[in-house]
């Protein structure tokens, strides 16, 4: 072959070499662009506060951001290429139950995405962190699914808070169900949002759940529905409660009963009325007795022994009325501790985020900590900005205060349950100071806005008594003391003892009792309170209980200075003779 014949071939080879070099150059540029784009993408996802992770078709980690590394407690170099589901939720057989769902998703089963939307992973400390996941599918140039890109948000604390709220709501509903009064609440359209079991029974329903969504036209009292609904609307429109009014109602048994009802508007945080809350008690028997008393007052005066028995019978009614009036206060006392628990949890979330920022600064500095002084300065600045020492101390304080709130709610509930055992007839040793404290917890919502409590306890010994009935005495004395105070005053609790007896005093700084009334305060039906504010039976019942214990209930008072009621009880009980 001649030189002339080789020339075209050489030119073709040279052209191919030039084209190959150009292709290699373009490929290198493309690789550089992709590398730069990947680095930029990594920087972007590293700025996100939530975990972002990309999985290839084998469910192995192909990319993870710094938030994910921080949560898992390992650098990206240690995580890339690892099997994601086996690492997060290891199973006894070595394969995660979520992996088949992932494979279904890559195969085009969109229903699997919903099943993968929420699952827990193990953090760097080995604790399970419940996450909510937003999953996107990664495809190649042909549209084939080659993996997933997911972002995850830690909802562990949110679920814990939701569980605490649900627990408090269930507890409140149980308390409302134990209240002897009927309780219900409606929305702005006057449909029932809920009620206690007693109200549902009055309505002829088997459970409170059956009431939800219904209105008065679907109840056994449908003929009176227009009246009830007009009354409810008036309360909501005025924004003012309507308290202790009497009305009639048809029952599931076909009877017509008298009720003593109170209604208050339900107002949200934006001061908007969104419904009405009602509470009532059946006073049919009370009204019948009241009518009989008006007719037979002369006979009742002559038959005083019958009145003593009637007092014992009415003890339950007075106790029910007292607990009914206190129920709303108890509910508020329970709600308040859980309100600041929620607030503290939100503060804790912010503090923990600051701590994670400090940890993140340490992680960035670790590879070059020995040689990079600037990173050391950055770490110190991050700690200073986050005020790490304060956070560590404040978190413990917040948790302690939250636990105190929970304990306070439990104490109130325990006292209420203990107080309800008024019918016991068993004589047992008891500490009256503890009984007074328990009763004080019950009425604290009535006292705290009007009086300061002072205590002067002598550490009296236990005596054998009917403690629940004595708590009823303490309740009457405490309520009378706070009602005697017009503005703001002081209630002083004192105890003492000697070889024969123990004594307990409830003193108030109220308006006092006029001398001509002092000898009558223990008489049945005597009261100095305005009409509708008192029955005149509280102190009479209290004295009856104390006398049953072979003790004395005495009063002393100065008008304008206040009153003192003293309960004196023998240390050694002598059984009272049985009535014939």
Protein backbone atom coordinates (compact mmCIF):
# COMPACT_ATOMS: atom_id res chain seq x y z
CA UNK A 1 0.00 0.00 0.00
CA UNK A 2 1.46 3.37 -1.00
CA UNK A 3 1.85 6.46 1.17
CA UNK A 4 -0.98 8.09 -0.69
CA UNK A 5 -3.27 5.21 0.15
CA UNK A 6 -2.41 5.53 3.91
CA UNK A 7 -3.12 9.24 4.15
CA UNK A 8 -6.95 9.00 4.22
CA UNK A 9 -6.77 6.27 6.85
CA UNK A 10 -4.44 8.36 9.01
CA UNK A 11 -6.74 11.35 8.69
CA UNK A 12 -9.69 9.18 9.74
CA UNK A 13 -7.79 7.84 12.78
CA UNK A 14 -6.75 11.35 13.75
CA UNK A 15 -10.34 12.53 13.45
CA UNK A 16 -11.54 9.65 15.64
CA UNK A 17 -8.86 10.42 18.27
CA UNK A 18 -9.92 14.05 18.27
CA UNK A 19 -13.60 13.07 18.60
CA UNK A 20 -12.77 10.61 21.40
CA UNK A 21 -10.81 13.26 23.31
CA UNK A 22 -13.71 15.69 22.87
CA UNK A 23 -16.13 13.05 24.11
CA UNK A 24 -13.88 12.34 27.10
CA UNK A 25 -13.66 16.05 27.83
CA UNK A 26 -17.42 16.42 27.63
CA UNK A 27 -17.87 13.35 29.86
CA UNK A 28 -15.47 14.73 32.45
CA UNK A 29 -17.31 18.06 32.35
CA UNK A 30 -20.59 16.23 32.81
CA UNK A 31 -19.15 14.24 35.71
CA UNK A 32 -17.87 17.48 37.25
CA UNK A 33 -21.27 19.12 36.81
CA UNK A 34 -23.05 16.15 38.35
CA UNK A 35 -20.55 16.06 41.22
CA UNK A 36 -21.07 19.79 41.80
CA UNK A 37 -24.85 19.35 41.59
CA UNK A 38 -24.71 16.45 44.06
CA UNK A 39 -22.58 18.49 46.44
CA UNK A 40 -24.99 21.41 46.14
CA UNK A 41 -27.95 19.09 46.71
CA UNK A 42 -26.21 17.60 49.75
CA UNK A 43 -25.62 21.09 51.15
CA UNK A 44 -29.28 21.93 50.61
CA UNK A 45 -30.63 18.84 52.34
CA UNK A 46 -28.09 19.29 55.15
CA UNK A 47 -29.77 22.61 55.90
CA UNK A 48 -33.10 20.90 56.55
CA UNK A 49 -33.98 20.28 60.23
CA UNK A 50 -35.75 17.01 59.41
CA UNK A 51 -34.09 13.76 58.40
CA UNK A 52 -33.77 13.21 54.62
CA UNK A 53 -32.65 9.82 53.28
CA UNK A 54 -32.43 8.33 49.78
CA UNK A 55 -32.66 4.56 49.30
CA UNK A 56 -31.63 2.61 46.21
CA UNK A 57 -33.61 -0.28 44.76
CA UNK A 58 -32.11 -2.64 47.36
CA UNK A 59 -33.27 -0.34 50.21
CA UNK A 60 -29.71 0.68 50.99
CA UNK A 61 -28.80 4.21 52.01
CA UNK A 62 -27.48 6.17 49.02
CA UNK A 63 -27.75 9.65 50.62
CA UNK A 64 -28.54 10.99 54.08
CA UNK A 65 -28.40 14.53 55.45
CA UNK A 66 -26.76 15.80 58.63
CA UNK A 67 -30.03 15.79 60.61
CA UNK A 68 -30.34 12.07 59.85
CA UNK A 69 -26.72 11.43 60.87
CA UNK A 70 -27.27 13.33 64.12
CA UNK A 71 -30.42 11.35 64.93
CA UNK A 72 -28.81 7.99 64.12
CA UNK A 73 -25.60 8.90 65.95
CA UNK A 74 -23.23 8.01 63.05
CA UNK A 75 -21.49 9.97 60.27
CA UNK A 76 -22.64 9.62 56.69
CA UNK A 77 -19.56 7.56 55.80
CA UNK A 78 -20.67 4.87 58.25
CA UNK A 79 -24.30 4.88 57.04
CA UNK A 80 -23.97 4.98 53.25
CA UNK A 81 -24.58 1.57 51.74
CA UNK A 82 -26.21 0.12 54.87
CA UNK A 83 -29.53 -1.72 54.66
CA UNK A 84 -31.98 0.90 55.94
CA UNK A 85 -34.88 -1.20 57.22
CA UNK A 86 -32.73 -3.89 58.84
CA UNK A 87 -30.80 -1.20 60.67
CA UNK A 88 -33.88 0.70 61.86
CA UNK A 89 -36.13 -2.19 62.80
CA UNK A 90 -34.05 -5.36 63.12
CA UNK A 91 -36.08 -8.56 63.27
CA UNK A 92 -35.15 -11.95 64.78
CA UNK A 93 -34.83 -13.46 61.30
CA UNK A 94 -32.61 -10.61 60.12
CA UNK A 95 -35.13 -9.02 57.76
CA UNK A 96 -37.45 -6.13 58.55
CA UNK A 97 -41.18 -6.52 58.14
CA UNK A 98 -41.17 -3.18 56.30
CA UNK A 99 -38.82 -4.34 53.55
CA UNK A 100 -41.55 -6.23 51.61
CA UNK A 101 -43.65 -3.05 51.64
CA UNK A 102 -40.71 -1.11 50.21
CA UNK A 103 -40.37 -3.66 47.43
CA UNK A 104 -44.09 -3.43 46.69
CA UNK A 105 -43.75 0.35 46.44
CA UNK A 106 -40.91 0.08 43.94
CA UNK A 107 -42.99 -2.43 41.98
CA UNK A 108 -45.69 0.23 41.54
CA UNK A 109 -48.04 -0.59 44.45
CA UNK A 110 -48.99 2.94 45.59
CA UNK A 111 -50.96 1.52 48.51
CA UNK A 112 -47.67 0.55 50.15
CA UNK A 113 -46.74 4.23 50.48
CA UNK A 114 -49.46 4.79 53.09
CA UNK A 115 -48.27 1.78 55.09
CA UNK A 116 -44.74 3.24 55.14
CA UNK A 117 -45.92 6.72 56.16
CA UNK A 118 -45.28 6.13 59.87
CA UNK A 119 -42.78 3.89 61.60
CA UNK A 120 -40.09 4.14 64.27
CA UNK A 121 -36.32 4.10 63.93
CA UNK A 122 -33.62 3.55 66.54
CA UNK A 123 -31.62 6.68 67.38
CA UNK A 124 -27.97 6.81 68.35
CA UNK A 125 -28.83 5.90 71.95
CA UNK A 126 -30.88 2.86 70.95
CA UNK A 127 -34.20 4.54 71.74
CA UNK A 128 -37.15 4.17 69.38
CA UNK A 129 -38.18 7.47 67.74
CA UNK A 130 -41.58 7.49 66.07
CA UNK A 131 -41.35 9.23 62.68
CA UNK A 132 -43.82 10.39 60.08
CA UNK A 133 -42.47 9.92 56.54
CA UNK A 134 -43.09 11.75 53.26
CA UNK A 135 -41.93 9.44 50.46
CA UNK A 136 -41.11 10.33 46.87
CA UNK A 137 -40.11 7.89 44.11
CA UNK A 138 -36.76 8.22 42.27
CA UNK A 139 -36.73 7.25 38.57
CA UNK A 140 -34.05 6.97 35.88
CA UNK A 141 -34.11 8.53 32.40
CA UNK A 142 -36.47 5.82 31.18
CA UNK A 143 -38.95 6.41 33.98
CA UNK A 144 -38.08 3.22 35.83
CA UNK A 145 -38.37 3.44 39.64
CA UNK A 146 -34.86 3.07 41.06
CA UNK A 147 -35.36 4.13 44.68
CA UNK A 148 -37.03 6.53 47.08
CA UNK A 149 -36.33 9.91 48.64
CA UNK A 150 -37.95 10.33 52.07
CA UNK A 151 -38.14 13.07 54.67
CA UNK A 152 -38.96 12.13 58.25
CA UNK A 153 -40.25 14.19 61.16
CA UNK A 154 -39.88 13.02 64.76
CA UNK A 155 -43.36 12.91 66.33
CA UNK A 156 -42.45 10.94 69.49
CA UNK A 157 -43.00 13.88 71.86
CA UNK A 158 -46.15 14.90 69.98
CA UNK A 159 -47.63 11.42 70.46
CA UNK A 160 -46.63 11.41 74.12
CA UNK A 161 -48.37 14.75 74.57
CA UNK A 162 -51.43 13.46 72.72
CA UNK A 163 -51.48 10.39 74.98
CA UNK A 164 -51.25 12.61 78.08
CA UNK A 165 -54.11 14.77 76.82
CA UNK A 166 -56.21 11.68 76.03
CA UNK A 167 -55.48 10.25 79.47
CA UNK A 168 -56.50 13.50 81.18
CA UNK A 169 -59.67 13.67 79.07
CA UNK A 170 -60.60 10.08 79.98
CA UNK A 171 -59.93 10.83 83.64
CA UNK A 172 -62.11 13.93 83.48
CA UNK A 173 -64.93 11.95 81.84
CA UNK A 174 -64.67 9.29 84.57
CA UNK A 175 -64.89 11.99 87.24
CA UNK A 176 -67.92 13.54 85.56
CA UNK A 177 -69.56 10.11 85.48
CA UNK A 178 -69.07 9.75 89.24
CA UNK A 179 -70.80 13.07 89.95
CA UNK A 180 -74.37 12.37 91.13
CA UNK A 181 -75.71 15.36 89.16
CA UNK A 182 -76.57 15.14 85.45
CA UNK A 183 -74.07 16.89 83.15
CA UNK A 184 -74.31 17.61 79.41
CA UNK A 185 -72.71 19.90 76.84
CA UNK A 186 -73.88 20.98 73.37
CA UNK A 187 -72.41 22.66 70.28
CA UNK A 188 -73.54 25.96 68.75
CA UNK A 189 -76.29 24.10 66.83
CA UNK A 190 -77.50 22.65 70.14
CA UNK A 191 -76.51 19.10 69.26
CA UNK A 192 -75.13 17.04 72.12
CA UNK A 193 -71.32 16.85 72.22
CA UNK A 194 -71.32 14.65 75.31
CA UNK A 195 -72.83 13.94 78.71
CA UNK A 196 -72.31 11.79 81.78
CA UNK A 197 -73.87 8.38 82.26
CA UNK A 198 -76.62 9.67 84.56
CA UNK A 199 -77.86 12.14 81.93
CA UNK A 200 -77.81 9.45 79.20
CA UNK A 201 -79.92 7.22 81.45
CA UNK A 202 -82.47 10.04 81.96
CA UNK A 203 -82.65 10.37 78.17
CA UNK A 204 -83.35 6.63 77.75
CA UNK A 205 -79.96 5.89 76.19
CA UNK A 206 -77.70 2.98 77.05
CA UNK A 207 -74.50 5.04 76.98
CA UNK A 208 -73.17 8.58 76.66
CA UNK A 209 -71.88 7.79 73.15
CA UNK A 210 -75.45 7.36 71.88
CA UNK A 211 -76.16 11.01 72.74
CA UNK A 212 -73.47 12.51 70.52
CA UNK A 213 -74.89 14.33 67.49
CA UNK A 214 -78.52 14.14 68.67
CA UNK A 215 -80.66 17.08 69.77
CA UNK A 216 -83.54 17.57 72.22
CA UNK A 217 -86.13 16.68 69.59
CA UNK A 218 -84.81 13.11 69.61
CA UNK A 219 -85.08 12.76 73.40
CA UNK A 220 -87.97 11.53 75.56
CA UNK A 221 -88.64 15.17 76.43
CA UNK A 222 -89.17 16.18 72.76
CA UNK A 223 -92.37 18.11 73.64
CA UNK A 224 -90.26 20.45 75.80
CA UNK A 225 -87.44 20.75 73.25
CA UNK A 226 -88.46 24.24 72.05
CA UNK A 227 -88.32 25.56 75.60
CA UNK A 228 -84.94 23.98 76.39
CA UNK A 229 -83.35 25.16 73.13
CA UNK A 230 -84.61 28.72 73.56
CA UNK A 231 -83.10 28.73 77.03
CA UNK A 232 -79.77 27.39 75.69
CA UNK A 233 -79.65 30.06 72.97
CA UNK A 234 -80.33 32.81 75.50
CA UNK A 235 -77.35 31.65 77.59
CA UNK A 236 -75.05 31.52 74.54
CA UNK A 237 -76.17 34.90 73.18
CA UNK A 238 -75.85 36.68 76.53
CA UNK A 239 -72.52 35.06 77.36
CA UNK A 240 -73.65 34.93 81.02
CA UNK A 241 -74.39 31.82 83.09
CA UNK A 242 -77.88 31.03 84.35
CA UNK A 243 -77.57 29.39 87.75
CA UNK A 244 -79.78 27.27 90.01
CA UNK A 245 -83.17 27.73 88.33
CA UNK A 246 -85.93 25.14 88.56
CA UNK A 247 -87.71 23.49 85.64
CA UNK A 248 -89.67 20.34 84.77
CA UNK A 249 -88.64 17.42 82.57
CA UNK A 250 -90.23 14.24 81.20
CA UNK A 251 -88.23 11.09 81.99
CA UNK A 252 -87.71 7.87 80.06
CA UNK A 253 -90.09 6.20 82.52
CA UNK A 254 -92.92 8.59 81.58
CA UNK A 255 -92.72 10.64 84.80
CA UNK A 256 -92.43 14.42 85.10
CA UNK A 257 -89.74 15.52 87.54
CA UNK A 258 -88.46 18.82 88.91
CA UNK A 259 -84.86 19.81 88.23
CA UNK A 260 -82.52 22.42 89.68
CA UNK A 261 -80.46 23.45 86.66
CA UNK A 262 -77.45 25.65 85.89
CA UNK A 263 -76.20 26.52 82.40
CA UNK A 264 -73.04 28.31 81.33
CA UNK A 265 -71.78 29.28 77.85
CA UNK A 266 -68.76 27.39 76.48
CA UNK A 267 -66.13 29.94 75.37
CA UNK A 268 -62.92 29.14 73.46
CA UNK A 269 -59.51 30.83 73.68
CA UNK A 270 -60.63 33.45 71.14
CA UNK A 271 -63.50 34.42 73.47
CA UNK A 272 -66.03 32.97 71.05
CA UNK A 273 -69.05 31.04 72.32
CA UNK A 274 -69.18 27.59 70.76
CA UNK A 275 -71.81 25.84 72.88
CA UNK A 276 -73.44 25.48 76.28
CA UNK A 277 -72.75 23.34 79.38
CA UNK A 278 -75.58 22.27 81.64
CA UNK A 279 -75.77 20.54 85.02
CA UNK A 280 -78.87 19.61 86.97
CA UNK A 281 -80.10 17.46 89.83
CA UNK A 282 -83.51 15.89 90.42
CA UNK A 283 -85.18 17.85 93.24
CA UNK A 284 -88.63 16.28 92.89
CA UNK A 285 -88.37 14.64 96.28
CA UNK A 286 -86.94 17.79 97.81
CA UNK A 287 -89.88 19.87 96.51
CA UNK A 288 -92.35 17.30 97.82
CA UNK A 289 -90.72 17.42 101.26
CA UNK A 290 -90.67 21.21 101.11
CA UNK A 291 -94.41 21.28 100.36
CA UNK A 292 -95.13 18.83 103.13
CA UNK A 293 -93.06 20.92 105.54
CA UNK A 294 -95.14 24.00 104.80
CA UNK A 295 -98.34 22.05 105.48
CA UNK A 296 -97.13 20.13 108.52
CA UNK A 297 -94.69 22.55 110.15
CA UNK A 298 -96.57 22.37 113.45
CA UNK A 299 -96.49 18.57 113.42
CA UNK A 300 -92.77 18.51 112.58
CA UNK A 301 -92.06 20.85 115.48
CA UNK A 302 -93.91 18.54 117.85
CA UNK A 303 -92.27 15.42 116.46
CA UNK A 304 -88.64 16.49 116.83
CA UNK A 305 -87.40 12.92 116.93
CA UNK A 306 -88.67 12.44 113.37
CA UNK A 307 -86.64 15.48 112.34
CA UNK A 308 -83.43 13.83 113.62
CA UNK A 309 -84.06 10.85 111.39
CA UNK A 310 -84.90 13.19 108.47
CA UNK A 311 -81.56 14.95 109.03
CA UNK A 312 -79.71 11.68 108.62
CA UNK A 313 -81.67 10.99 105.44
CA UNK A 314 -80.94 14.45 104.02
CA UNK A 315 -77.22 14.09 104.72
CA UNK A 316 -76.81 12.36 101.38
CA UNK A 317 -78.74 15.12 99.56
CA UNK A 318 -76.60 17.87 101.13
CA UNK A 319 -73.43 15.99 100.29
CA UNK A 320 -74.62 15.50 96.69
CA UNK A 321 -75.39 19.21 96.37
CA UNK A 322 -71.95 20.12 97.72
CA UNK A 323 -70.13 17.78 95.35
CA UNK A 324 -72.28 18.97 92.45
CA UNK A 325 -71.35 22.62 93.14
CA UNK A 326 -67.68 21.71 93.43
CA UNK A 327 -67.53 19.55 90.28
CA UNK A 328 -66.81 22.47 87.93
CA UNK A 329 -64.04 23.69 90.23
CA UNK A 330 -62.52 20.21 90.41
CA UNK A 331 -62.54 19.99 86.61
CA UNK A 332 -60.70 23.32 86.37
CA UNK A 333 -58.19 22.22 89.01
CA UNK A 334 -57.45 19.08 86.97
CA UNK A 335 -57.26 20.96 83.66
CA UNK A 336 -54.82 23.61 84.94
CA UNK A 337 -51.92 21.22 85.78
CA UNK A 338 -52.21 19.52 82.40
CA UNK A 339 -52.26 22.91 80.68
CA UNK A 340 -48.86 23.86 82.05
CA UNK A 341 -47.57 20.31 81.41
CA UNK A 342 -48.30 20.92 77.72
CA UNK A 343 -46.59 24.33 77.89
CA UNK A 344 -43.49 22.83 79.50
CA UNK A 345 -43.29 20.08 76.90
CA UNK A 346 -43.21 22.74 74.18
CA UNK A 347 -40.40 24.51 76.02
CA UNK A 348 -38.52 21.21 76.36
CA UNK A 349 -38.78 20.69 72.60
CA UNK A 350 -37.07 24.02 71.97
CA UNK A 351 -34.36 23.31 74.51
CA UNK A 352 -33.60 19.89 73.04
CA UNK A 353 -33.28 21.45 69.58
CA UNK A 354 -30.72 23.88 70.95
CA UNK A 355 -28.79 21.00 72.51
CA UNK A 356 -28.79 19.19 69.16
CA UNK A 357 -27.33 22.30 67.55
CA UNK A 358 -24.48 22.18 70.05
CA UNK A 359 -23.91 18.47 69.35
CA UNK A 360 -23.97 19.21 65.63
CA UNK A 361 -21.26 21.86 66.11
CA UNK A 362 -19.13 19.27 67.97
CA UNK A 363 -19.59 16.75 65.17
CA UNK A 364 -18.46 19.24 62.54
CA UNK A 365 -15.36 19.99 64.59
CA UNK A 366 -14.35 16.40 65.37
CA UNK A 367 -12.40 15.61 62.13
CA UNK A 368 -10.16 18.65 62.52
CA UNK A 369 -10.44 19.41 66.21
CA UNK A 370 -6.76 19.08 66.91
CA UNK A 371 -5.59 21.41 64.16
CA UNK A 372 -8.49 23.80 63.67
CA UNK A 373 -8.67 26.42 66.36
CA UNK A 374 -11.51 28.19 64.61
CA UNK A 375 -13.77 25.18 65.01
CA UNK A 376 -13.04 25.14 68.73
CA UNK A 377 -14.12 28.76 68.88
CA UNK A 378 -17.27 27.90 66.90
CA UNK A 379 -18.12 25.17 69.37
CA UNK A 380 -17.71 27.52 72.31
CA UNK A 381 -19.85 30.12 70.58
CA UNK A 382 -22.56 27.55 69.90
CA UNK A 383 -22.55 26.48 73.56
CA UNK A 384 -22.68 30.09 74.67
CA UNK A 385 -25.52 30.95 72.26
CA UNK A 386 -27.53 27.92 73.42
CA UNK A 387 -26.71 28.60 77.12
CA UNK A 388 -26.12 24.88 77.57
CA UNK A 389 -25.61 24.92 81.36
CA UNK A 390 -28.90 26.75 81.86
CA UNK A 391 -30.76 24.36 79.55
CA UNK A 392 -29.53 21.31 81.43
CA UNK A 393 -30.73 22.82 84.69
CA UNK A 394 -34.00 24.23 83.30
CA UNK A 395 -35.07 20.93 81.71
CA UNK A 396 -34.96 19.22 85.12
CA UNK A 397 -36.98 22.04 86.67
CA UNK A 398 -39.61 21.85 83.92
CA UNK A 399 -39.97 18.10 84.34
CA UNK A 400 -40.23 18.44 88.12
CA UNK A 401 -42.94 21.09 87.81
CA UNK A 402 -44.83 18.93 85.34
CA UNK A 403 -44.70 15.97 87.72
CA UNK A 404 -45.92 18.26 90.53
CA UNK A 405 -48.89 19.20 88.35
CA UNK A 406 -49.78 15.57 87.71
CA UNK A 407 -49.46 14.78 91.41
CA UNK A 408 -51.68 17.74 92.26
CA UNK A 409 -54.41 16.46 89.95
CA UNK A 410 -54.17 12.99 91.44
CA UNK A 411 -54.39 14.40 94.98
CA UNK A 412 -57.59 16.28 94.12
CA UNK A 413 -59.17 13.19 92.59
CA UNK A 414 -58.11 10.97 95.50
CA UNK A 415 -59.57 13.43 97.99
CA UNK A 416 -62.84 13.59 96.07
CA UNK A 417 -63.11 9.80 95.98
CA UNK A 418 -62.27 9.56 99.66
CA UNK A 419 -64.81 12.24 100.52
CA UNK A 420 -67.60 10.41 98.71
CA UNK A 421 -67.54 7.56 101.27
CA UNK A 422 -69.79 9.50 103.65
CA UNK A 423 -72.21 6.64 104.31
CA UNK A 424 -69.76 4.36 106.10
CA UNK A 425 -70.78 3.29 109.59
CA UNK A 426 -67.52 1.63 110.60
CA UNK A 427 -65.66 3.18 113.53
CA UNK A 428 -61.93 3.23 112.78
CA UNK A 429 -58.86 5.07 114.12
CA UNK A 430 -58.21 8.25 112.13
CA UNK A 431 -56.04 11.36 112.20
CA UNK A 432 -58.36 14.39 112.15
CA UNK A 433 -55.62 16.72 110.93
CA UNK A 434 -55.20 14.60 107.82
CA UNK A 435 -58.97 14.50 107.41
CA UNK A 436 -59.11 18.29 107.63
CA UNK A 437 -56.35 18.58 105.02
CA UNK A 438 -58.22 16.19 102.71
CA UNK A 439 -61.42 18.23 103.06
CA UNK A 440 -59.47 21.44 102.45
CA UNK A 441 -58.32 20.03 99.11
CA UNK A 442 -61.95 19.39 98.15
CA UNK A 443 -63.08 23.00 98.83
CA UNK A 444 -59.83 24.72 97.83
CA UNK A 445 -61.34 26.09 94.61
CA UNK A 446 -64.00 27.86 96.71
CA UNK A 447 -61.45 29.27 99.18
CA UNK A 448 -58.35 30.26 97.22
CA UNK A 449 -59.80 33.43 95.68
CA UNK A 450 -61.23 34.77 98.96
CA UNK A 451 -59.06 33.66 101.86
CA UNK A 452 -55.54 32.84 102.96
CA UNK A 453 -55.16 29.68 105.04
CA UNK A 454 -53.15 29.69 108.27
CA UNK A 455 -52.45 26.42 110.09
CA UNK A 456 -51.54 25.86 113.72
CA UNK A 457 -51.55 22.08 114.18
CA UNK A 458 -50.56 20.43 117.45
CA UNK A 459 -50.07 16.91 116.07
CA UNK A 460 -53.17 15.48 117.74
CA UNK A 461 -53.33 11.69 118.29
CA UNK A 462 -55.64 9.40 116.35
CA UNK A 463 -59.12 8.76 117.70
CA UNK A 464 -61.70 6.13 116.86
CA UNK A 465 -64.43 7.81 114.80
CA UNK A 466 -66.59 7.84 111.68
CA UNK A 467 -64.05 9.83 109.67
CA UNK A 468 -66.13 10.43 106.50
CA UNK A 469 -68.94 11.96 108.61
CA UNK A 470 -66.48 14.19 110.44
CA UNK A 471 -65.18 15.33 107.05
CA UNK A 472 -68.75 16.44 106.32
CA UNK A 473 -68.55 18.56 109.50
CA UNK A 474 -65.22 20.05 108.37
CA UNK A 475 -66.71 20.76 104.94
CA UNK A 476 -69.64 22.70 106.41
CA UNK A 477 -67.35 24.70 108.71
CA UNK A 478 -64.94 25.58 105.89
CA UNK A 479 -67.73 26.60 103.50
CA UNK A 480 -69.39 28.72 106.21
CA UNK A 481 -66.02 30.37 106.95
CA UNK A 482 -65.35 31.39 103.35
CA UNK A 483 -68.95 32.55 102.85
CA UNK A 484 -68.60 34.80 105.91
CA UNK A 485 -65.76 36.69 104.17
CA UNK A 486 -66.98 39.43 101.81
CA UNK A 487 -63.76 40.50 100.08
CA UNK A 488 -60.44 38.93 101.12
CA UNK A 489 -59.64 37.46 104.50
CA UNK A 490 -58.01 34.73 106.53
CA UNK A 491 -59.16 31.28 107.67
CA UNK A 492 -57.15 29.82 110.55
CA UNK A 493 -57.11 26.09 111.34
CA UNK A 494 -55.99 25.07 114.85
CA UNK A 495 -55.82 21.76 116.71
CA UNK A 496 -54.96 20.71 120.23
CA UNK A 497 -55.42 17.91 122.78
CA UNK A 498 -55.13 16.88 126.39
CA UNK A 499 -55.50 13.57 128.24
CA UNK A 500 -59.28 13.42 127.78
CA UNK A 501 -60.06 15.04 124.41
CA UNK A 502 -58.85 16.43 121.10
CA UNK A 503 -60.15 19.65 119.57
CA UNK A 504 -60.16 21.37 116.22
CA UNK A 505 -61.02 25.00 115.39
CA UNK A 506 -61.99 26.77 112.15
CA UNK A 507 -61.69 30.54 112.58
CA UNK A 508 -62.50 33.21 109.98
CA UNK A 509 -61.94 36.98 109.74
CA UNK A 510 -65.42 37.52 108.26
CA UNK A 511 -68.36 39.66 109.28
CA UNK A 512 -69.15 37.67 112.42
CA UNK A 513 -72.49 36.66 113.96
CA UNK A 514 -74.82 38.96 115.86
CA UNK A 515 -75.21 38.01 119.57
CA UNK A 516 -78.95 37.39 119.20
CA UNK A 517 -78.24 34.85 116.44
CA UNK A 518 -75.31 33.04 118.04
CA UNK A 519 -77.49 30.70 120.12
CA UNK A 520 -79.61 29.80 117.08
CA UNK A 521 -76.94 28.92 114.50
CA UNK A 522 -77.25 25.19 115.27
CA UNK A 523 -81.05 25.14 115.08
CA UNK A 524 -82.50 23.27 112.08
CA UNK A 525 -83.45 25.56 109.17
CA UNK A 526 -82.04 28.69 110.81
CA UNK A 527 -79.86 30.74 108.48
CA UNK A 528 -78.71 34.36 108.13
CA UNK A 529 -77.89 33.88 104.44
CA UNK A 530 -80.08 35.40 101.69
CA UNK A 531 -82.93 33.30 100.28
CA UNK A 532 -81.64 30.53 98.02
CA UNK A 533 -78.09 30.69 99.47
CA UNK A 534 -78.53 28.28 102.38
CA UNK A 535 -80.89 25.67 103.84
CA UNK A 536 -80.09 26.21 107.52
CA UNK A 537 -79.24 22.52 107.87
CA UNK A 538 -75.43 22.57 107.54
CA UNK A 539 -74.52 23.42 111.13
CA UNK A 540 -77.47 21.43 112.50
CA UNK A 541 -76.26 18.31 110.70
CA UNK A 542 -72.69 19.02 111.78
CA UNK A 543 -73.70 19.26 115.44
CA UNK A 544 -75.73 16.06 115.12
CA UNK A 545 -72.64 14.22 113.80
CA UNK A 546 -70.42 15.61 116.57
CA UNK A 547 -72.96 14.63 119.26
CA UNK A 548 -73.07 11.13 117.80
CA UNK A 549 -69.33 11.04 118.59
CA UNK A 550 -70.11 12.15 122.19
CA UNK A 551 -68.44 15.48 121.41
CA UNK A 552 -69.32 19.17 121.35
CA UNK A 553 -69.59 21.77 118.58
CA UNK A 554 -69.35 25.33 119.91
CA UNK A 555 -69.30 28.77 118.34
CA UNK A 556 -68.03 32.15 119.45
CA UNK A 557 -68.11 35.35 117.43
CA UNK A 558 -67.71 39.12 117.43
CA UNK A 559 -69.58 41.14 114.80
CA UNK A 560 -67.13 42.65 112.36
CA UNK A 561 -64.23 40.55 113.73
CA UNK A 562 -65.05 37.02 112.65
CA UNK A 563 -66.17 33.69 114.11
CA UNK A 564 -64.59 30.57 115.61
CA UNK A 565 -66.18 27.09 115.53
CA UNK A 566 -64.59 24.45 117.79
CA UNK A 567 -65.12 20.68 117.53
CA UNK A 568 -64.19 18.79 120.72
CA UNK A 569 -64.14 14.97 120.72
CA UNK A 570 -63.26 12.42 123.42
CA UNK A 571 -60.04 10.48 122.92
CA UNK A 572 -61.71 7.26 124.11
CA UNK A 573 -65.01 6.42 122.48
CA UNK A 574 -68.01 5.31 124.52
CA UNK A 575 -70.65 3.81 122.21
CA UNK A 576 -73.86 5.83 122.14
CA UNK A 577 -77.01 4.00 123.29
CA UNK A 578 -79.19 2.65 120.48
CA UNK A 579 -82.43 4.54 119.83
CA UNK A 580 -85.60 2.61 120.56
